[in-house]
């Protein structure tokens, strides 16, 4: 499952740099999580890092985006493959 940031967010800026998948960004009024990029840190860490650092505990699981551990790992691998492709492209154009 992807995570989501609720309206209790105080825009403290600590979650965004902790996300290894760059799934967190500033929305219209609070930070938001892109469910297509959120793996709940599967493949990177044992626990979601944004949840660990959030001082107001406003990052629950989003029931709209249900995924198994295997699906999250597949998403992690896909995102890592895309990151490797982006890196190779930037290195070849340098």
PDB file of N, CA and C in Angstrom:
ATOM      1  N   UNK A   1       0.832  -1.179   0.000  1.00  0.00           N
ATOM      2  CA  UNK A   1       0.000   0.000   0.000  1.00  0.00           C
ATOM      3  C   UNK A   1       0.875   1.239   0.000  1.00  0.00           C
ATOM      4  N   UNK A   2       0.416   2.238  -0.632  1.00  0.00           N
ATOM      5  CA  UNK A   2       1.099   3.524  -0.561  1.00  0.00           C
ATOM      6  C   UNK A   2       0.670   4.219   0.728  1.00  0.00           C
ATOM      7  N   UNK A   3       1.455   5.178   1.110  1.00  0.00           N
ATOM      8  CA  UNK A   3       1.124   5.994   2.269  1.00  0.00           C
ATOM      9  C   UNK A   3       0.490   7.283   1.786  1.00  0.00           C
ATOM     10  N   UNK A   4      -0.124   8.020   2.707  1.00  0.00           N
ATOM     11  CA  UNK A   4      -0.676   9.332   2.360  1.00  0.00           C
ATOM     12  C   UNK A   4      -0.413  10.281   3.512  1.00  0.00           C
ATOM     13  N   UNK A   5      -0.393  11.558   3.200  1.00  0.00           N
ATOM     14  CA  UNK A   5      -0.200  12.582   4.210  1.00  0.00           C
ATOM     15  C   UNK A   5      -1.554  13.248   4.437  1.00  0.00           C
ATOM     16  N   UNK A   6      -1.963  13.313   5.701  1.00  0.00           N
ATOM     17  CA  UNK A   6      -3.273  13.860   6.038  1.00  0.00           C
ATOM     18  C   UNK A   6      -3.206  15.367   6.274  1.00  0.00           C
ATOM     19  N   UNK A   7      -4.371  15.957   6.481  1.00  0.00           N
ATOM     20  CA  UNK A   7      -4.481  17.393   6.708  1.00  0.00           C
ATOM     21  C   UNK A   7      -3.806  17.863   7.996  1.00  0.00           C
ATOM     22  N   UNK A   8      -3.404  16.935   8.833  1.00  0.00           N
ATOM     23  CA  UNK A   8      -2.694  17.319  10.058  1.00  0.00           C
ATOM     24  C   UNK A   8      -1.253  17.751   9.781  1.00  0.00           C
ATOM     25  N   UNK A   9      -0.802  17.597   8.534  1.00  0.00           N
ATOM     26  CA  UNK A   9       0.558  17.968   8.137  1.00  0.00           C
ATOM     27  C   UNK A   9       0.825  19.427   8.508  1.00  0.00           C
ATOM     28  N   UNK A  10       1.987  19.677   9.113  1.00  0.00           N
ATOM     29  CA  UNK A  10       2.366  21.043   9.498  1.00  0.00           C
ATOM     30  C   UNK A  10       3.454  21.614   8.582  1.00  0.00           C
ATOM     31  N   UNK A  11       3.712  20.944   7.471  1.00  0.00           N
ATOM     32  CA  UNK A  11       4.718  21.400   6.496  1.00  0.00           C
ATOM     33  C   UNK A  11       6.082  21.642   7.148  1.00  0.00           C
ATOM     34  N   UNK A  12       6.504  20.709   7.963  1.00  0.00           N
ATOM     35  CA  UNK A  12       7.779  20.867   8.676  1.00  0.00           C
ATOM     36  C   UNK A  12       8.983  20.537   7.792  1.00  0.00           C
ATOM     37  N   UNK A  13       8.749  19.956   6.636  1.00  0.00           N
ATOM     38  CA  UNK A  13       9.791  19.669   5.645  1.00  0.00           C
ATOM     39  C   UNK A  13      10.714  18.498   5.992  1.00  0.00           C
ATOM     40  N   UNK A  14      10.408  17.700   6.994  1.00  0.00           N
ATOM     41  CA  UNK A  14      11.335  16.615   7.335  1.00  0.00           C
ATOM     42  C   UNK A  14      11.097  15.335   6.533  1.00  0.00           C
ATOM     43  N   UNK A  15       9.903  15.124   6.010  1.00  0.00           N
ATOM     44  CA  UNK A  15       9.612  13.875   5.309  1.00  0.00           C
ATOM     45  C   UNK A  15      10.200  13.832   3.902  1.00  0.00           C
ATOM     46  N   UNK A  16      10.119  14.923   3.188  1.00  0.00           N
ATOM     47  CA  UNK A  16      10.527  14.927   1.776  1.00  0.00           C
ATOM     48  C   UNK A  16      11.961  14.435   1.562  1.00  0.00           C
ATOM     49  N   UNK A  17      12.957  14.947   2.282  1.00  0.00           N
ATOM     50  CA  UNK A  17      14.324  14.472   2.023  1.00  0.00           C
ATOM     51  C   UNK A  17      14.581  13.035   2.479  1.00  0.00           C
ATOM     52  N   UNK A  18      13.703  12.490   3.299  1.00  0.00           N
ATOM     53  CA  UNK A  18      13.885  11.119   3.782  1.00  0.00           C
ATOM     54  C   UNK A  18      13.396  10.066   2.803  1.00  0.00           C
ATOM     55  N   UNK A  19      12.600  10.462   1.822  1.00  0.00           N
ATOM     56  CA  UNK A  19      12.000   9.499   0.893  1.00  0.00           C
ATOM     57  C   UNK A  19      13.020   9.046  -0.151  1.00  0.00           C
ATOM     58  N   UNK A  20      13.382   7.768  -0.162  1.00  0.00           N
ATOM     59  CA  UNK A  20      14.373   7.284  -1.130  1.00  0.00           C
ATOM     60  C   UNK A  20      13.842   7.186  -2.559  1.00  0.00           C
ATOM     61  N   UNK A  21      12.525   7.288  -2.722  1.00  0.00           N
ATOM     62  CA  UNK A  21      11.920   7.174  -4.046  1.00  0.00           C
ATOM     63  C   UNK A  21      11.445   8.509  -4.607  1.00  0.00           C
ATOM     64  N   UNK A  22      11.741   9.596  -3.917  1.00  0.00           N
ATOM     65  CA  UNK A  22      11.267  10.912  -4.323  1.00  0.00           C
ATOM     66  C   UNK A  22       9.755  10.912  -4.566  1.00  0.00           C
ATOM     67  N   UNK A  23       9.021  10.227  -3.688  1.00  0.00           N
ATOM     68  CA  UNK A  23       7.566  10.145  -3.809  1.00  0.00           C
ATOM     69  C   UNK A  23       6.867  11.309  -3.113  1.00  0.00           C
ATOM     70  N   UNK A  24       7.571  12.065  -2.284  1.00  0.00           N
ATOM     71  CA  UNK A  24       6.962  13.144  -1.518  1.00  0.00           C
ATOM     72  C   UNK A  24       7.314  14.489  -2.140  1.00  0.00           C
ATOM     73  N   UNK A  25       6.288  15.310  -2.306  1.00  0.00           N
ATOM     74  CA  UNK A  25       6.499  16.655  -2.845  1.00  0.00           C
ATOM     75  C   UNK A  25       5.474  17.597  -2.226  1.00  0.00           C
ATOM     76  N   UNK A  26       5.720  18.892  -2.375  1.00  0.00           N
ATOM     77  CA  UNK A  26       4.777  19.873  -1.857  1.00  0.00           C
ATOM     78  C   UNK A  26       3.562  19.929  -2.764  1.00  0.00           C
ATOM     79  N   UNK A  27       2.394  19.783  -2.157  1.00  0.00           N
ATOM     80  CA  UNK A  27       1.140  19.918  -2.897  1.00  0.00           C
ATOM     81  C   UNK A  27       0.657  21.351  -2.828  1.00  0.00           C
ATOM     82  N   UNK A  28      -0.634  21.561  -2.997  1.00  0.00           N
ATOM     83  CA  UNK A  28      -1.182  22.918  -2.963  1.00  0.00           C
ATOM     84  C   UNK A  28      -1.031  23.555  -1.583  1.00  0.00           C
ATOM     85  N   UNK A  29      -1.289  22.768  -0.527  1.00  0.00           N
ATOM     86  CA  UNK A  29      -1.194  23.346   0.813  1.00  0.00           C
ATOM     87  C   UNK A  29      -0.373  22.499   1.783  1.00  0.00           C
ATOM     88  N   UNK A  30      -0.255  21.220   1.505  1.00  0.00           N
ATOM     89  CA  UNK A  30       0.552  20.325   2.346  1.00  0.00           C
ATOM     90  C   UNK A  30       1.346  19.388   1.440  1.00  0.00           C
ATOM     91  N   UNK A  31       2.263  18.655   2.046  1.00  0.00           N
ATOM     92  CA  UNK A  31       3.012  17.665   1.281  1.00  0.00           C
ATOM     93  C   UNK A  31       2.087  16.537   0.846  1.00  0.00           C
ATOM     94  N   UNK A  32       2.419  15.918  -0.275  1.00  0.00           N
ATOM     95  CA  UNK A  32       1.639  14.807  -0.814  1.00  0.00           C
ATOM     96  C   UNK A  32       2.597  13.667  -1.182  1.00  0.00           C
ATOM     97  N   UNK A  33       2.046  12.473  -1.256  1.00  0.00           N
ATOM     98  CA  UNK A  33       2.815  11.290  -1.637  1.00  0.00           C
ATOM     99  C   UNK A  33       2.264  10.743  -2.941  1.00  0.00           C
ATOM    100  N   UNK A  34       3.143  10.536  -3.910  1.00  0.00           N
ATOM    101  CA  UNK A  34       2.770   9.954  -5.195  1.00  0.00           C
ATOM    102  C   UNK A  34       2.683   8.442  -5.015  1.00  0.00           C
ATOM    103  N   UNK A  35       1.484   7.868  -5.089  1.00  0.00           N
ATOM    104  CA  UNK A  35       1.343   6.427  -4.874  1.00  0.00           C
ATOM    105  C   UNK A  35       2.090   5.583  -5.902  1.00  0.00           C
ATOM    106  N   UNK A  36       2.360   6.139  -7.070  1.00  0.00           N
ATOM    107  CA  UNK A  36       3.096   5.395  -8.099  1.00  0.00           C
ATOM    108  C   UNK A  36       4.570   5.257  -7.733  1.00  0.00           C
ATOM    109  N   UNK A  37       5.071   6.095  -6.823  1.00  0.00           N
ATOM    110  CA  UNK A  37       6.481   6.052  -6.422  1.00  0.00           C
ATOM    111  C   UNK A  37       6.677   5.536  -5.001  1.00  0.00           C
ATOM    112  N   UNK A  38       5.611   5.475  -4.204  1.00  0.00           N
ATOM    113  CA  UNK A  38       5.735   5.056  -2.806  1.00  0.00           C
ATOM    114  C   UNK A  38       5.789   3.531  -2.695  1.00  0.00           C
ATOM    115  N   UNK A  39       6.875   3.047  -2.100  1.00  0.00           N
ATOM    116  CA  UNK A  39       7.010   1.606  -1.844  1.00  0.00           C
ATOM    117  C   UNK A  39       7.000   1.328  -0.346  1.00  0.00           C
ATOM    118  N   UNK A  40       6.626   2.336   0.456  1.00  0.00           N
ATOM    119  CA  UNK A  40       6.706   2.232   1.911  1.00  0.00           C
ATOM    120  C   UNK A  40       8.133   1.886   2.328  1.00  0.00           C
ATOM    121  N   UNK A  41       9.083   2.299   1.534  1.00  0.00           N
ATOM    122  CA  UNK A  41      10.523   2.080   1.736  1.00  0.00           C
ATOM    123  C   UNK A  41      10.948   0.629   1.583  1.00  0.00           C
ATOM    124  N   UNK A  42      10.046  -0.234   1.059  1.00  0.00           N
ATOM    125  CA  UNK A  42      10.426  -1.612   0.758  1.00  0.00           C
ATOM    126  C   UNK A  42      11.585  -1.558  -0.235  1.00  0.00           C
ATOM    127  N   UNK A  43      12.608  -2.340   0.033  1.00  0.00           N
ATOM    128  CA  UNK A  43      13.792  -2.362  -0.815  1.00  0.00           C
ATOM    129  C   UNK A  43      14.880  -1.424  -0.324  1.00  0.00           C
ATOM    130  N   UNK A  44      14.512  -0.445   0.479  1.00  0.00           N
ATOM    131  CA  UNK A  44      15.475   0.514   1.010  1.00  0.00           C
ATOM    132  C   UNK A  44      15.669   0.354   2.521  1.00  0.00           C
ATOM    133  N   UNK A  45      14.552   0.309   3.255  1.00  0.00           N
ATOM    134  CA  UNK A  45      14.571   0.279   4.718  1.00  0.00           C
ATOM    135  C   UNK A  45      13.514  -0.679   5.236  1.00  0.00           C
ATOM    136  N   UNK A  46      13.604  -1.028   6.491  1.00  0.00           N
ATOM    137  CA  UNK A  46      12.633  -1.921   7.117  1.00  0.00           C
ATOM    138  C   UNK A  46      11.323  -1.241   7.452  1.00  0.00           C
ATOM    139  N   UNK A  47      11.339   0.083   7.558  1.00  0.00           N
ATOM    140  CA  UNK A  47      10.145   0.839   7.891  1.00  0.00           C
ATOM    141  C   UNK A  47      10.104   2.112   7.050  1.00  0.00           C
ATOM    142  N   UNK A  48       8.900   2.623   6.790  1.00  0.00           N
ATOM    143  CA  UNK A  48       8.806   3.874   6.036  1.00  0.00           C
ATOM    144  C   UNK A  48       9.510   5.008   6.788  1.00  0.00           C
ATOM    145  N   UNK A  49      10.445   5.636   6.129  1.00  0.00           N
ATOM    146  CA  UNK A  49      11.241   6.681   6.772  1.00  0.00           C
ATOM    147  C   UNK A  49      10.433   7.941   7.058  1.00  0.00           C
ATOM    148  N   UNK A  50       9.489   8.276   6.194  1.00  0.00           N
ATOM    149  CA  UNK A  50       8.673   9.470   6.429  1.00  0.00           C
ATOM    150  C   UNK A  50       7.860   9.317   7.709  1.00  0.00           C
ATOM    151  N   UNK A  51       7.340   8.122   7.943  1.00  0.00           N
ATOM    152  CA  UNK A  51       6.565   7.856   9.154  1.00  0.00           C
ATOM    153  C   UNK A  51       7.468   7.983  10.384  1.00  0.00           C
ATOM    154  N   UNK A  52       8.697   7.513  10.254  1.00  0.00           N
ATOM    155  CA  UNK A  52       9.636   7.563  11.369  1.00  0.00           C
ATOM    156  C   UNK A  52       9.966   8.990  11.790  1.00  0.00           C
ATOM    157  N   UNK A  53      10.069   9.910  10.839  1.00  0.00           N
ATOM    158  CA  UNK A  53      10.496  11.271  11.175  1.00  0.00           C
ATOM    159  C   UNK A  53       9.347  12.253  11.379  1.00  0.00           C
ATOM    160  N   UNK A  54       8.132  11.890  11.026  1.00  0.00           N
ATOM    161  CA  UNK A  54       7.001  12.817  11.116  1.00  0.00           C
ATOM    162  C   UNK A  54       6.683  13.150  12.580  1.00  0.00           C
ATOM    163  N   UNK A  55       6.777  14.433  12.949  1.00  0.00           N
ATOM    164  CA  UNK A  55       6.533  14.804  14.342  1.00  0.00           C
ATOM    165  C   UNK A  55       5.062  14.825  14.744  1.00  0.00           C
ATOM    166  N   UNK A  56       4.158  14.834  13.778  1.00  0.00           N
ATOM    167  CA  UNK A  56       2.729  14.889  14.109  1.00  0.00           C
ATOM    168  C   UNK A  56       1.987  13.607  13.726  1.00  0.00           C
ATOM    169  N   UNK A  57       2.714  12.606  13.291  1.00  0.00           N
ATOM    170  CA  UNK A  57       2.138  11.292  12.958  1.00  0.00           C
ATOM    171  C   UNK A  57       0.944  11.417  12.013  1.00  0.00           C
ATOM    172  N   UNK A  58       1.169  12.083  10.882  1.00  0.00           N
ATOM    173  CA  UNK A  58       0.083  12.305   9.925  1.00  0.00           C
ATOM    174  C   UNK A  58       0.262  11.513   8.634  1.00  0.00           C
ATOM    175  N   UNK A  59       0.999  10.385   8.697  1.00  0.00           N
ATOM    176  CA  UNK A  59       1.248   9.615   7.467  1.00  0.00           C
ATOM    177  C   UNK A  59       0.787   8.164   7.653  1.00  0.00           C
ATOM    178  N   UNK A  60      -0.513   7.926   7.456  1.00  0.00           N
ATOM    179  CA  UNK A  60      -1.023   6.556   7.545  1.00  0.00           C
ATOM    180  C   UNK A  60      -0.949   5.846   6.190  1.00  0.00           C
ATOM    181  N   UNK A  61      -1.298   4.581   6.206  1.00  0.00           N
ATOM    182  CA  UNK A  61      -1.432   3.805   4.972  1.00  0.00           C
ATOM    183  C   UNK A  61      -2.663   4.321   4.242  1.00  0.00           C
ATOM    184  N   UNK A  62      -2.568   4.444   2.940  1.00  0.00           N
ATOM    185  CA  UNK A  62      -3.690   4.887   2.114  1.00  0.00           C
ATOM    186  C   UNK A  62      -4.461   3.650   1.649  1.00  0.00           C
ATOM    187  N   UNK A  63      -5.661   3.428   2.180  1.00  0.00           N
ATOM    188  CA  UNK A  63      -6.417   2.215   1.821  1.00  0.00           C
ATOM    189  C   UNK A  63      -6.852   2.177   0.366  1.00  0.00           C
ATOM    190  N   UNK A  64      -6.771   3.295  -0.332  1.00  0.00           N
ATOM    191  CA  UNK A  64      -7.142   3.336  -1.752  1.00  0.00           C
ATOM    192  C   UNK A  64      -6.107   2.585  -2.589  1.00  0.00           C
ATOM    193  N   UNK A  65      -4.862   2.555  -2.139  1.00  0.00           N
ATOM    194  CA  UNK A  65      -3.765   1.931  -2.891  1.00  0.00           C
ATOM    195  C   UNK A  65      -3.242   0.716  -2.129  1.00  0.00           C
ATOM    196  N   UNK A  66      -3.921  -0.408  -2.270  1.00  0.00           N
ATOM    197  CA  UNK A  66      -3.506  -1.614  -1.568  1.00  0.00           C
ATOM    198  C   UNK A  66      -2.538  -2.417  -2.432  1.00  0.00           C
ATOM    199  N   UNK A  67      -1.393  -2.741  -1.837  1.00  0.00           N
ATOM    200  CA  UNK A  67      -0.378  -3.534  -2.529  1.00  0.00           C
ATOM    201  C   UNK A  67       0.244  -4.501  -1.532  1.00  0.00           C
ATOM    202  N   UNK A  68       0.553  -5.679  -2.000  1.00  0.00           N
ATOM    203  CA  UNK A  68       1.213  -6.666  -1.158  1.00  0.00           C
ATOM    204  C   UNK A  68       2.701  -6.335  -1.057  1.00  0.00           C
ATOM    205  N   UNK A  69       3.384  -7.015  -0.158  1.00  0.00           N
ATOM    206  CA  UNK A  69       4.834  -6.832  -0.034  1.00  0.00           C
ATOM    207  C   UNK A  69       5.527  -7.175  -1.349  1.00  0.00           C
ATOM    208  N   UNK A  70       5.057  -8.204  -2.040  1.00  0.00           N
ATOM    209  CA  UNK A  70       5.642  -8.575  -3.329  1.00  0.00           C
ATOM    210  C   UNK A  70       5.420  -7.485  -4.381  1.00  0.00           C
ATOM    211  N   UNK A  71       4.238  -6.877  -4.382  1.00  0.00           N
ATOM    212  CA  UNK A  71       3.956  -5.799  -5.327  1.00  0.00           C
ATOM    213  C   UNK A  71       4.818  -4.571  -5.030  1.00  0.00           C
ATOM    214  N   UNK A  72       5.006  -4.270  -3.741  1.00  0.00           N
ATOM    215  CA  UNK A  72       5.862  -3.144  -3.368  1.00  0.00           C
ATOM    216  C   UNK A  72       7.303  -3.400  -3.794  1.00  0.00           C
ATOM    217  N   UNK A  73       7.770  -4.633  -3.648  1.00  0.00           N
ATOM    218  CA  UNK A  73       9.134  -4.974  -4.067  1.00  0.00           C
ATOM    219  C   UNK A  73       9.265  -4.872  -5.585  1.00  0.00           C
ATOM    220  N   UNK A  74       8.252  -5.288  -6.312  1.00  0.00           N
ATOM    221  CA  UNK A  74       8.278  -5.167  -7.778  1.00  0.00           C
ATOM    222  C   UNK A  74       8.314  -3.688  -8.182  1.00  0.00           C
ATOM    223  N   UNK A  75       7.567  -2.853  -7.486  1.00  0.00           N
ATOM    224  CA  UNK A  75       7.577  -1.417  -7.774  1.00  0.00           C
ATOM    225  C   UNK A  75       8.961  -0.842  -7.471  1.00  0.00           C
ATOM    226  N   UNK A  76       9.555  -1.252  -6.350  1.00  0.00           N
ATOM    227  CA  UNK A  76      10.908  -0.813  -5.999  1.00  0.00           C
ATOM    228  C   UNK A  76      11.891  -1.168  -7.114  1.00  0.00           C
ATOM    229  N   UNK A  77      11.828  -2.397  -7.595  1.00  0.00           N
ATOM    230  CA  UNK A  77      12.746  -2.836  -8.653  1.00  0.00           C
ATOM    231  C   UNK A  77      12.518  -2.060  -9.944  1.00  0.00           C
ATOM    232  N   UNK A  78      11.267  -1.786 -10.273  1.00  0.00           N
ATOM    233  CA  UNK A  78      10.954  -1.002 -11.468  1.00  0.00           C
ATOM    234  C   UNK A  78      11.509   0.414 -11.326  1.00  0.00           C
ATOM    235  N   UNK A  79      11.297   1.033 -10.166  1.00  0.00           N
ATOM    236  CA  UNK A  79      11.801   2.388  -9.933  1.00  0.00           C
ATOM    237  C   UNK A  79      13.327   2.427  -9.965  1.00  0.00           C
ATOM    238  N   UNK A  80      13.975   1.397  -9.449  1.00  0.00           N
ATOM    239  CA  UNK A  80      15.435   1.346  -9.477  1.00  0.00           C
ATOM    240  C   UNK A  80      15.936   1.215 -10.909  1.00  0.00           C
ATOM    241  N   UNK A  81      15.228   0.449 -11.729  1.00  0.00           N
ATOM    242  CA  UNK A  81      15.593   0.318 -13.129  1.00  0.00           C
ATOM    243  C   UNK A  81      15.451   1.643 -13.864  1.00  0.00           C
ATOM    244  N   UNK A  82      14.391   2.395 -13.559  1.00  0.00           N
ATOM    245  CA  UNK A  82      14.201   3.709 -14.175  1.00  0.00           C
ATOM    246  C   UNK A  82      15.286   4.677 -13.728  1.00  0.00           C
ATOM    247  N   UNK A  83      15.651   4.618 -12.454  1.00  0.00           N
ATOM    248  CA  UNK A  83      16.703   5.498 -11.937  1.00  0.00           C
ATOM    249  C   UNK A  83      18.036   5.182 -12.606  1.00  0.00           C
ATOM    250  N   UNK A  84      18.310   3.905 -12.821  1.00  0.00           N
ATOM    251  CA  UNK A  84      19.557   3.509 -13.483  1.00  0.00           C
ATOM    252  C   UNK A  84      19.566   4.004 -14.931  1.00  0.00           C
ATOM    253  N   UNK A  85      18.423   3.926 -15.605  1.00  0.00           N
ATOM    254  CA  UNK A  85      18.327   4.424 -16.977  1.00  0.00           C
ATOM    255  C   UNK A  85      18.557   5.933 -17.024  1.00  0.00           C
ATOM    256  N   UNK A  86      17.949   6.668 -16.092  1.00  0.00           N
ATOM    257  CA  UNK A  86      18.123   8.129 -16.028  1.00  0.00           C
ATOM    258  C   UNK A  86      19.580   8.487 -15.795  1.00  0.00           C
ATOM    259  N   UNK A  87      20.239   7.737 -14.915  1.00  0.00           N
ATOM    260  CA  UNK A  87      21.641   8.002 -14.622  1.00  0.00           C
ATOM    261  C   UNK A  87      22.512   7.744 -15.853  1.00  0.00           C
ATOM    262  N   UNK A  88      22.234   6.642 -16.546  1.00  0.00           N
ATOM    263  CA  UNK A  88      22.995   6.322 -17.739  1.00  0.00           C
ATOM    264  C   UNK A  88      22.800   7.394 -18.815  1.00  0.00           C
ATOM    265  N   UNK A  89      21.577   7.884 -18.958  1.00  0.00           N
ATOM    266  CA  UNK A  89      21.317   8.940 -19.936  1.00  0.00           C
ATOM    267  C   UNK A  89      22.037  10.228 -19.581  1.00  0.00           C
ATOM    268  N   UNK A  90      22.031  10.577 -18.306  1.00  0.00           N
ATOM    269  CA  UNK A  90      22.699  11.825 -17.911  1.00  0.00           C
ATOM    270  C   UNK A  90      24.206  11.702 -18.042  1.00  0.00           C
ATOM    271  N   UNK A  91      24.755  10.514 -17.812  1.00  0.00           N
ATOM    272  CA  UNK A  91      26.198  10.301 -17.967  1.00  0.00           C
ATOM    273  C   UNK A  91      26.605  10.347 -19.439  1.00  0.00           C
ATOM    274  N   UNK A  92      25.742   9.850 -20.322  1.00  0.00           N
ATOM    275  CA  UNK A  92      26.092   9.822 -21.750  1.00  0.00           C
ATOM    276  C   UNK A  92      25.970  11.203 -22.389  1.00  0.00           C
ATOM    277  N   UNK A  93      25.173  12.082 -21.800  1.00  0.00           N
ATOM    278  CA  UNK A  93      25.019  13.420 -22.361  1.00  0.00           C
ATOM    279  C   UNK A  93      26.015  14.421 -21.753  1.00  0.00           C
ATOM    280  N   UNK A  94      26.791  13.973 -20.794  1.00  0.00           N
ATOM    281  CA  UNK A  94      27.747  14.881 -20.136  1.00  0.00           C
ATOM    282  C   UNK A  94      29.040  15.017 -20.918  1.00  0.00           C
TER     283      UNK A  94
END
